[in-house]
Protein backbone atom coordinates (compact mmCIF):
# COMPACT_ATOMS: atom_id res chain seq x y z
CA MET A 1 -12.91 -26.53 -50.16
CA PHE A 2 -12.89 -25.14 -53.65
CA LYS A 3 -13.63 -26.48 -57.11
CA GLY A 4 -11.55 -29.58 -57.84
CA LEU A 5 -11.36 -30.29 -54.08
CA ARG A 6 -8.64 -27.66 -53.66
CA SER A 7 -8.16 -26.34 -50.14
CA THR A 8 -6.18 -23.70 -48.28
CA ILE A 9 -5.66 -26.10 -45.36
CA PRO A 10 -1.94 -26.90 -45.16
CA ASN A 11 -0.99 -30.58 -45.58
CA LEU A 12 -4.61 -31.62 -46.08
CA LYS A 13 -3.76 -34.60 -48.29
CA GLU A 14 -1.32 -35.94 -45.71
CA ALA A 15 -3.87 -35.48 -42.92
CA LEU A 16 -6.56 -37.27 -44.94
CA ALA A 17 -4.17 -40.12 -45.73
CA GLY A 18 -3.97 -40.86 -41.98
CA ILE A 19 -7.73 -41.41 -41.71
CA PRO A 20 -8.72 -45.08 -42.12
CA ASP A 21 -11.09 -46.06 -44.92
CA PRO A 22 -14.70 -46.50 -43.82
CA GLU A 23 -16.24 -49.95 -43.67
CA PRO A 24 -17.93 -51.00 -46.92
CA THR A 25 -21.61 -50.09 -47.07
CA ILE A 26 -24.58 -51.42 -49.00
CA PHE A 27 -25.96 -49.06 -51.64
CA ASP A 28 -28.63 -51.46 -52.92
CA PHE A 29 -31.69 -51.11 -50.71
CA SER A 30 -33.13 -54.51 -51.61
CA GLU A 31 -29.80 -56.17 -50.73
CA SER A 32 -29.88 -54.33 -47.41
CA VAL A 33 -33.34 -55.74 -46.71
CA ARG A 34 -32.38 -59.28 -47.78
CA THR A 35 -29.18 -59.36 -45.72
CA ARG A 36 -30.55 -57.23 -42.84
CA LYS A 37 -27.42 -55.07 -43.02
CA LYS A 38 -27.51 -51.31 -42.62
CA PHE A 39 -28.23 -49.33 -45.79
CA ALA A 40 -25.64 -46.69 -46.72
CA LEU A 41 -28.17 -43.85 -46.64
CA ASN A 42 -29.15 -44.37 -43.02
CA GLU A 43 -30.18 -42.11 -40.17
CA GLU A 44 -26.65 -41.75 -38.77
CA ASN A 45 -25.16 -40.67 -42.10
CA GLY A 46 -28.09 -38.31 -42.61
CA HIS A 47 -27.52 -36.75 -39.19
CA HIS A 48 -23.80 -36.23 -39.86
CA SER A 49 -24.50 -34.66 -43.27
CA ALA A 50 -27.14 -32.30 -41.87
CA THR A 51 -24.89 -31.38 -38.92
CA LEU A 52 -22.07 -30.29 -41.26
CA VAL A 53 -24.42 -28.06 -43.25
CA ASN A 54 -25.96 -26.57 -40.11
CA LEU A 55 -22.55 -25.89 -38.55
CA ALA A 56 -21.40 -24.13 -41.72
CA LYS A 57 -24.56 -21.99 -41.60
CA ILE A 58 -23.94 -21.12 -37.94
CA ALA A 59 -20.31 -20.15 -38.62
CA TRP A 60 -21.48 -17.98 -41.53
CA GLN A 61 -24.19 -16.34 -39.40
CA LEU A 62 -21.70 -15.56 -36.64
CA GLY A 63 -19.03 -14.46 -39.12
CA ARG A 64 -16.33 -16.54 -37.48
CA THR A 65 -14.86 -19.99 -36.97
CA ILE A 66 -16.61 -22.21 -34.45
CA ARG A 67 -15.46 -25.30 -32.58
CA PHE A 68 -17.80 -28.29 -32.30
CA ASP A 69 -17.65 -31.33 -30.04
CA PRO A 70 -19.35 -34.21 -31.88
CA LYS A 71 -19.75 -36.23 -28.67
CA THR A 72 -21.75 -33.57 -26.85
CA GLN A 73 -23.20 -32.03 -30.04
CA ARG A 74 -22.35 -28.59 -28.64
CA CYS A 75 -19.84 -25.80 -29.20
CA PRO A 76 -17.72 -25.67 -26.03
CA ASN A 77 -17.63 -22.25 -24.33
CA ASP A 78 -19.66 -20.65 -27.12
CA ASP A 79 -23.14 -19.61 -25.97
CA ALA A 80 -23.93 -17.75 -29.19
CA ALA A 81 -23.24 -20.81 -31.36
CA ASN A 82 -25.10 -23.12 -28.99
CA ARG A 83 -28.18 -20.87 -29.14
CA LEU A 84 -28.15 -21.34 -32.92
CA ILE A 85 -27.65 -25.11 -32.60
CA ASP A 86 -30.71 -25.40 -30.38
CA PRO A 87 -32.90 -22.34 -30.98
CA ALA A 88 -35.90 -21.59 -28.80
CA MET A 89 -39.15 -22.97 -30.19
CA ARG A 90 -42.09 -20.68 -30.95
CA ALA A 91 -45.15 -21.06 -28.78
CA PRO A 92 -47.06 -23.32 -28.39
CA TRP A 93 -44.25 -25.75 -29.32
CA HIS A 94 -41.91 -27.04 -26.65
CA LEU A 95 -39.91 -30.13 -25.67
């Protein structure tokens, strides 16, 4: 994506038109608390936003395009990318 949301992806506007609009979300935190409905800036949206940034960083580090499976949270058949998705922890830290 470039300034003004320009892109080199062919037929991007047509592809985006086929994606359904998201469900309305609550942007007023106090309303979210009162109604007990999920706030727009929630953990799931935060995870998706961080994932996009991290995947862009990984593609830049590798110097190539990567494929990502959002269900498995892995890059299929790409050990180098997967090592960057889940890097080894420094001692004494471990899971």
